[in-house]
PDB file of N, CA and C in Angstrom:
ATOM      1  N   MET A   1      91.818  99.880  80.718  1.00  0.00           N
ATOM      2  CA  MET A   1      91.676  98.643  80.021  1.00  0.00           C
ATOM      3  C   MET A   1      90.241  98.586  79.502  1.00  0.00           C
ATOM      4  N   ILE A   2      90.067  98.173  78.300  1.00  0.00           N
ATOM      5  CA  ILE A   2      88.743  98.007  77.710  1.00  0.00           C
ATOM      6  C   ILE A   2      88.572  96.533  77.368  1.00  0.00           C
ATOM      7  N   LEU A   3      87.471  95.949  77.862  1.00  0.00           N
ATOM      8  CA  LEU A   3      87.188  94.539  77.610  1.00  0.00           C
ATOM      9  C   LEU A   3      85.935  94.419  76.753  1.00  0.00           C
ATOM     10  N   ASN A   4      85.956  93.537  75.767  1.00  0.00           N
ATOM     11  CA  ASN A   4      84.768  93.228  74.975  1.00  0.00           C
ATOM     12  C   ASN A   4      84.166  91.965  75.578  1.00  0.00           C
ATOM     13  N   ILE A   5      83.075  92.114  76.328  1.00  0.00           N
ATOM     14  CA  ILE A   5      82.501  90.956  77.014  1.00  0.00           C
ATOM     15  C   ILE A   5      81.580  90.124  76.124  1.00  0.00           C
ATOM     16  N   GLU A   6      81.311  90.594  74.909  1.00  0.00           N
ATOM     17  CA  GLU A   6      80.456  89.882  73.954  1.00  0.00           C
ATOM     18  C   GLU A   6      79.127  89.487  74.596  1.00  0.00           C
ATOM     19  N   GLN A   7      78.454  90.482  75.156  1.00  0.00           N
ATOM     20  CA  GLN A   7      77.206  90.260  75.881  1.00  0.00           C
ATOM     21  C   GLN A   7      76.147  89.571  75.034  1.00  0.00           C
ATOM     22  N   SER A   8      76.169  89.771  73.729  1.00  0.00           N
ATOM     23  CA  SER A   8      75.173  89.148  72.845  1.00  0.00           C
ATOM     24  C   SER A   8      75.303  87.625  72.827  1.00  0.00           C
ATOM     25  N   GLU A   9      76.438  87.092  73.255  1.00  0.00           N
ATOM     26  CA  GLU A   9      76.658  85.646  73.258  1.00  0.00           C
ATOM     27  C   GLU A   9      76.377  84.992  74.601  1.00  0.00           C
ATOM     28  N   TYR A  10      75.909  85.762  75.598  1.00  0.00           N
ATOM     29  CA  TYR A  10      75.597  85.197  76.915  1.00  0.00           C
ATOM     30  C   TYR A  10      74.402  84.252  76.804  1.00  0.00           C
ATOM     31  N   ILE A  11      74.441  83.175  77.550  1.00  0.00           N
ATOM     32  CA  ILE A  11      73.325  82.235  77.627  1.00  0.00           C
ATOM     33  C   ILE A  11      72.602  82.523  78.939  1.00  0.00           C
ATOM     34  N   GLY A  12      71.372  83.003  78.855  1.00  0.00           N
ATOM     35  CA  GLY A  12      70.619  83.463  80.014  1.00  0.00           C
ATOM     36  C   GLY A  12      70.551  82.481  81.174  1.00  0.00           C
ATOM     37  N   SER A  13      70.394  81.197  80.891  1.00  0.00           N
ATOM     38  CA  SER A  13      70.261  80.211  81.973  1.00  0.00           C
ATOM     39  C   SER A  13      71.599  79.893  82.655  1.00  0.00           C
ATOM     40  N   LEU A  14      72.710  80.238  82.009  1.00  0.00           N
ATOM     41  CA  LEU A  14      74.020  79.926  82.589  1.00  0.00           C
ATOM     42  C   LEU A  14      74.680  81.120  83.276  1.00  0.00           C
ATOM     43  N   ALA A  15      74.301  82.325  82.899  1.00  0.00           N
ATOM     44  CA  ALA A  15      74.928  83.521  83.453  1.00  0.00           C
ATOM     45  C   ALA A  15      73.882  84.352  84.186  1.00  0.00           C
ATOM     46  N   GLU A  16      74.160  84.672  85.457  1.00  0.00           N
ATOM     47  CA  GLU A  16      73.189  85.459  86.223  1.00  0.00           C
ATOM     48  C   GLU A  16      73.194  86.929  85.827  1.00  0.00           C
ATOM     49  N   ALA A  17      74.324  87.411  85.294  1.00  0.00           N
ATOM     50  CA  ALA A  17      74.424  88.811  84.871  1.00  0.00           C
ATOM     51  C   ALA A  17      75.562  88.956  83.882  1.00  0.00           C
ATOM     52  N   ALA A  18      75.509  90.017  83.092  1.00  0.00           N
ATOM     53  CA  ALA A  18      76.590  90.317  82.162  1.00  0.00           C
ATOM     54  C   ALA A  18      77.671  91.097  82.896  1.00  0.00           C
ATOM     55  N   GLY A  19      78.901  90.983  82.441  1.00  0.00           N
ATOM     56  CA  GLY A  19      80.015  91.722  83.033  1.00  0.00           C
ATOM     57  C   GLY A  19      81.205  90.820  83.258  1.00  0.00           C
ATOM     58  N   VAL A  20      82.112  91.286  84.088  1.00  0.00           N
ATOM     59  CA  VAL A  20      83.306  90.506  84.415  1.00  0.00           C
ATOM     60  C   VAL A  20      83.462  90.444  85.925  1.00  0.00           C
ATOM     61  N   LYS A  21      84.141  89.420  86.388  1.00  0.00           N
ATOM     62  CA  LYS A  21      84.458  89.247  87.801  1.00  0.00           C
ATOM     63  C   LYS A  21      85.960  89.452  87.939  1.00  0.00           C
ATOM     64  N   VAL A  22      86.385  90.319  88.850  1.00  0.00           N
ATOM     65  CA  VAL A  22      87.794  90.646  89.029  1.00  0.00           C
ATOM     66  C   VAL A  22      88.259  90.126  90.384  1.00  0.00           C
ATOM     67  N   VAL A  23      89.394  89.433  90.381  1.00  0.00           N
ATOM     68  CA  VAL A  23      89.988  88.925  91.613  1.00  0.00           C
ATOM     69  C   VAL A  23      91.447  89.335  91.634  1.00  0.00           C
ATOM     70  N   LEU A  24      91.887  89.960  92.710  1.00  0.00           N
ATOM     71  CA  LEU A  24      93.293  90.298  92.908  1.00  0.00           C
ATOM     72  C   LEU A  24      93.821  89.407  94.022  1.00  0.00           C
ATOM     73  N   HIS A  25      94.869  88.649  93.720  1.00  0.00           N
ATOM     74  CA  HIS A  25      95.410  87.735  94.723  1.00  0.00           C
ATOM     75  C   HIS A  25      96.895  87.519  94.464  1.00  0.00           C
ATOM     76  N   HIS A  26      97.579  87.001  95.466  1.00  0.00           N
ATOM     77  CA  HIS A  26      98.994  86.679  95.340  1.00  0.00           C
ATOM     78  C   HIS A  26      99.157  85.562  94.319  1.00  0.00           C
ATOM     79  N   LYS A  27     100.239  85.596  93.582  1.00  0.00           N
ATOM     80  CA  LYS A  27     100.435  84.620  92.505  1.00  0.00           C
ATOM     81  C   LYS A  27     100.552  83.186  93.003  1.00  0.00           C
ATOM     82  N   GLU A  28     100.857  82.986  94.293  1.00  0.00           N
ATOM     83  CA  GLU A  28     101.010  81.632  94.832  1.00  0.00           C
ATOM     84  C   GLU A  28      99.747  81.132  95.534  1.00  0.00           C
ATOM     85  N   THR A  29      98.652  81.882  95.449  1.00  0.00           N
ATOM     86  CA  THR A  29      97.408  81.443  96.073  1.00  0.00           C
ATOM     87  C   THR A  29      96.363  81.168  95.003  1.00  0.00           C
ATOM     88  N   MET A  30      95.418  80.328  95.354  1.00  0.00           N
ATOM     89  CA  MET A  30      94.334  79.977  94.446  1.00  0.00           C
ATOM     90  C   MET A  30      93.301  81.099  94.460  1.00  0.00           C
ATOM     91  N   SER A  31      92.754  81.440  93.312  1.00  0.00           N
ATOM     92  CA  SER A  31      91.731  82.483  93.263  1.00  0.00           C
ATOM     93  C   SER A  31      90.353  81.852  93.457  1.00  0.00           C
ATOM     94  N   PHE A  32      89.495  82.558  94.174  1.00  0.00           N
ATOM     95  CA  PHE A  32      88.119  82.134  94.388  1.00  0.00           C
ATOM     96  C   PHE A  32      87.196  83.304  94.045  1.00  0.00           C
ATOM     97  N   PRO A  33      86.878  83.501  92.759  1.00  0.00           N
ATOM     98  CA  PRO A  33      86.098  84.659  92.330  1.00  0.00           C
ATOM     99  C   PRO A  33      84.726  84.747  92.996  1.00  0.00           C
ATOM    100  N   GLU A  34      84.101  83.624  93.275  1.00  0.00           N
ATOM    101  CA  GLU A  34      82.777  83.650  93.897  1.00  0.00           C
ATOM    102  C   GLU A  34      82.842  84.259  95.291  1.00  0.00           C
ATOM    103  N   ASP A  35      83.943  84.016  96.016  1.00  0.00           N
ATOM    104  CA  ASP A  35      84.069  84.460  97.403  1.00  0.00           C
ATOM    105  C   ASP A  35      84.802  85.790  97.545  1.00  0.00           C
ATOM    106  N   ASN A  36      85.841  86.009  96.744  1.00  0.00           N
ATOM    107  CA  ASN A  36      86.721  87.150  96.962  1.00  0.00           C
ATOM    108  C   ASN A  36      86.708  88.196  95.857  1.00  0.00           C
ATOM    109  N   GLY A  37      86.047  87.926  94.775  1.00  0.00           N
ATOM    110  CA  GLY A  37      86.080  88.850  93.653  1.00  0.00           C
ATOM    111  C   GLY A  37      85.013  89.914  93.729  1.00  0.00           C
ATOM    112  N   PHE A  38      85.111  90.875  92.828  1.00  0.00           N
ATOM    113  CA  PHE A  38      84.060  91.879  92.703  1.00  0.00           C
ATOM    114  C   PHE A  38      83.638  91.955  91.247  1.00  0.00           C
ATOM    115  N   SER A  39      82.376  92.294  91.045  1.00  0.00           N
ATOM    116  CA  SER A  39      81.802  92.324  89.701  1.00  0.00           C
ATOM    117  C   SER A  39      81.912  93.716  89.101  1.00  0.00           C
ATOM    118  N   VAL A  40      82.107  93.744  87.788  1.00  0.00           N
ATOM    119  CA  VAL A  40      82.137  95.000  87.035  1.00  0.00           C
ATOM    120  C   VAL A  40      81.097  94.877  85.936  1.00  0.00           C
ATOM    121  N   ALA A  41      80.129  95.789  85.962  1.00  0.00           N
ATOM    122  CA  ALA A  41      79.038  95.762  84.990  1.00  0.00           C
ATOM    123  C   ALA A  41      79.491  96.337  83.652  1.00  0.00           C
ATOM    124  N   PRO A  42      78.899  95.863  82.546  1.00  0.00           N
ATOM    125  CA  PRO A  42      79.250  96.414  81.233  1.00  0.00           C
ATOM    126  C   PRO A  42      78.731  97.839  81.080  1.00  0.00           C
ATOM    127  N   GLY A  43      79.445  98.630  80.314  1.00  0.00           N
ATOM    128  CA  GLY A  43      79.032  99.992  80.034  1.00  0.00           C
ATOM    129  C   GLY A  43      79.257 100.965  81.179  1.00  0.00           C
ATOM    130  N   GLN A  44      80.007 100.574  82.175  1.00  0.00           N
ATOM    131  CA  GLN A  44      80.265 101.410  83.349  1.00  0.00           C
ATOM    132  C   GLN A  44      81.766 101.618  83.511  1.00  0.00           C
ATOM    133  N   MET A  45      82.137 102.757  84.072  1.00  0.00           N
ATOM    134  CA  MET A  45      83.529 102.973  84.451  1.00  0.00           C
ATOM    135  C   MET A  45      83.655 102.579  85.924  1.00  0.00           C
ATOM    136  N   THR A  46      84.647 101.773  86.243  1.00  0.00           N
ATOM    137  CA  THR A  46      84.832 101.302  87.610  1.00  0.00           C
ATOM    138  C   THR A  46      86.236 101.635  88.074  1.00  0.00           C
ATOM    139  N   SER A  47      86.347 102.203  89.258  1.00  0.00           N
ATOM    140  CA  SER A  47      87.651 102.502  89.862  1.00  0.00           C
ATOM    141  C   SER A  47      87.762 101.744  91.166  1.00  0.00           C
ATOM    142  N   ILE A  48      88.969 101.281  91.464  1.00  0.00           N
ATOM    143  CA  ILE A  48      89.207 100.607  92.740  1.00  0.00           C
ATOM    144  C   ILE A  48      90.447 101.202  93.379  1.00  0.00           C
ATOM    145  N   GLY A  49      90.521 101.124  94.685  1.00  0.00           N
ATOM    146  CA  GLY A  49      91.706 101.558  95.417  1.00  0.00           C
ATOM    147  C   GLY A  49      92.358 100.351  96.065  1.00  0.00           C
ATOM    148  N   LEU A  50      93.672 100.319  96.080  1.00  0.00           N
ATOM    149  CA  LEU A  50      94.405  99.192  96.640  1.00  0.00           C
ATOM    150  C   LEU A  50      95.356  99.670  97.733  1.00  0.00           C
ATOM    151  N   THR A  51      95.516  98.852  98.749  1.00  0.00           N
ATOM    152  CA  THR A  51      96.510  99.082  99.789  1.00  0.00           C
ATOM    153  C   THR A  51      97.310  97.811  99.945  1.00  0.00           C
ATOM    154  N   MET A  52      98.618  97.915  99.881  1.00  0.00           N
ATOM    155  CA  MET A  52      99.467  96.741 100.045  1.00  0.00           C
ATOM    156  C   MET A  52      99.693  96.495 101.532  1.00  0.00           C
ATOM    157  N   VAL A  53      99.447  95.275 101.971  1.00  0.00           N
ATOM    158  CA  VAL A  53      99.644  94.893 103.358  1.00  0.00           C
ATOM    159  C   VAL A  53     100.658  93.759 103.398  1.00  0.00           C
ATOM    160  N   ILE A  54     101.657  93.890 104.248  1.00  0.00           N
ATOM    161  CA  ILE A  54     102.675  92.854 104.412  1.00  0.00           C
ATOM    162  C   ILE A  54     102.520  92.270 105.806  1.00  0.00           C
ATOM    163  N   LYS A  55     102.435  90.938 105.900  1.00  0.00           N
ATOM    164  CA  LYS A  55     102.308  90.266 107.184  1.00  0.00           C
ATOM    165  C   LYS A  55     103.645  89.619 107.538  1.00  0.00           C
ATOM    166  N   PHE A  56     104.074  89.836 108.763  1.00  0.00           N
ATOM    167  CA  PHE A  56     105.331  89.272 109.246  1.00  0.00           C
ATOM    168  C   PHE A  56     105.036  88.246 110.329  1.00  0.00           C
ATOM    169  N   HIS A  57     105.843  87.217 110.400  1.00  0.00           N
ATOM    170  CA  HIS A  57     105.727  86.199 111.438  1.00  0.00           C
ATOM    171  C   HIS A  57     107.146  85.803 111.842  1.00  0.00           C
ATOM    172  N   GLN A  58     107.434  85.934 113.103  1.00  0.00           N
ATOM    173  CA  GLN A  58     108.777  85.623 113.589  1.00  0.00           C
ATOM    174  C   GLN A  58     108.662  84.632 114.731  1.00  0.00           C
ATOM    175  N   ASN A  59     109.334  83.506 114.602  1.00  0.00           N
ATOM    176  CA  ASN A  59     109.346  82.492 115.654  1.00  0.00           C
ATOM    177  C   ASN A  59     110.523  82.798 116.584  1.00  0.00           C
ATOM    178  N   ILE A  60     110.250  83.468 117.729  1.00  0.00           N
ATOM    179  CA  ILE A  60     111.334  83.923 118.593  1.00  0.00           C
ATOM    180  C   ILE A  60     111.842  82.856 119.554  1.00  0.00           C
ATOM    181  N   MET A  61     111.015  81.860 119.856  1.00  0.00           N
ATOM    182  CA  MET A  61     111.455  80.758 120.716  1.00  0.00           C
ATOM    183  C   MET A  61     110.853  79.462 120.180  1.00  0.00           C
ATOM    184  N   PRO A  62     111.498  78.851 119.190  1.00  0.00           N
ATOM    185  CA  PRO A  62     110.923  77.671 118.525  1.00  0.00           C
ATOM    186  C   PRO A  62     110.638  76.497 119.462  1.00  0.00           C
ATOM    187  N   SER A  63     111.468  76.334 120.500  1.00  0.00           N
ATOM    188  CA  SER A  63     111.304  75.170 121.362  1.00  0.00           C
ATOM    189  C   SER A  63     109.990  75.205 122.151  1.00  0.00           C
ATOM    190  N   ILE A  64     109.480  76.391 122.461  1.00  0.00           N
ATOM    191  CA  ILE A  64     108.221  76.473 123.206  1.00  0.00           C
ATOM    192  C   ILE A  64     107.129  77.183 122.395  1.00  0.00           C
ATOM    193  N   LYS A  65     107.375  77.364 121.130  1.00  0.00           N
ATOM    194  CA  LYS A  65     106.398  77.896 120.171  1.00  0.00           C
ATOM    195  C   LYS A  65     105.850  79.266 120.571  1.00  0.00           C
ATOM    196  N   ILE A  66     106.724  80.204 120.874  1.00  0.00           N
ATOM    197  CA  ILE A  66     106.336  81.588 121.111  1.00  0.00           C
ATOM    198  C   ILE A  66     106.677  82.372 119.851  1.00  0.00           C
ATOM    199  N   CYS A  67     105.675  83.064 119.327  1.00  0.00           N
ATOM    200  CA  CYS A  67     105.860  83.777 118.060  1.00  0.00           C
ATOM    201  C   CYS A  67     105.400  85.221 118.190  1.00  0.00           C
ATOM    202  N   ASN A  68     105.966  86.061 117.369  1.00  0.00           N
ATOM    203  CA  ASN A  68     105.513  87.440 117.198  1.00  0.00           C
ATOM    204  C   ASN A  68     104.926  87.558 115.809  1.00  0.00           C
ATOM    205  N   SER A  69     103.788  88.197 115.701  1.00  0.00           N
ATOM    206  CA  SER A  69     103.179  88.472 114.397  1.00  0.00           C
ATOM    207  C   SER A  69     102.752  89.914 114.365  1.00  0.00           C
ATOM    208  N   TRP A  70     102.897  90.558 113.205  1.00  0.00           N
ATOM    209  CA  TRP A  70     102.448  91.932 113.035  1.00  0.00           C
ATOM    210  C   TRP A  70     102.168  92.171 111.569  1.00  0.00           C
ATOM    211  N   THR A  71     101.390  93.184 111.331  1.00  0.00           N
ATOM    212  CA  THR A  71     101.009  93.569 109.972  1.00  0.00           C
ATOM    213  C   THR A  71     101.436  95.000 109.741  1.00  0.00           C
ATOM    214  N   GLU A  72     101.955  95.254 108.554  1.00  0.00           N
ATOM    215  CA  GLU A  72     102.415  96.590 108.189  1.00  0.00           C
ATOM    216  C   GLU A  72     101.745  97.021 106.908  1.00  0.00           C
ATOM    217  N   GLU A  73     101.148  98.191 106.917  1.00  0.00           N
ATOM    218  CA  GLU A  73     100.496  98.724 105.727  1.00  0.00           C
ATOM    219  C   GLU A  73     101.443  99.692 105.033  1.00  0.00           C
ATOM    220  N   LEU A  74     101.609  99.544 103.727  1.00  0.00           N
ATOM    221  CA  LEU A  74     102.488 100.415 102.969  1.00  0.00           C
ATOM    222  C   LEU A  74     101.705 101.521 102.331  1.00  0.00           C
TER     223      LEU A  74
END
C-alpha cells in the first residue's frame, strides 16, 4: 500500500511528526491510536507480523460462578 501523507501541508505546532499511525483492532471495539497504535515514518518501508489469538470463556457452573478461560494462538 502506498500512502500520500502530503507532508508539505503539515502544521508544525499541531503535528509532532510526519507519517501515519496504524491501529489494528476488532471491528466491534473502539480504536485508541495514542495507546495501541504504531507509527510509520514517511519514506520508509515498514513490515509487521501478526498472530491471531482467540480467547474462550466457558461458564461451567453459572449458579456459583465457576468459569474456565483459555487462549489459543492460531
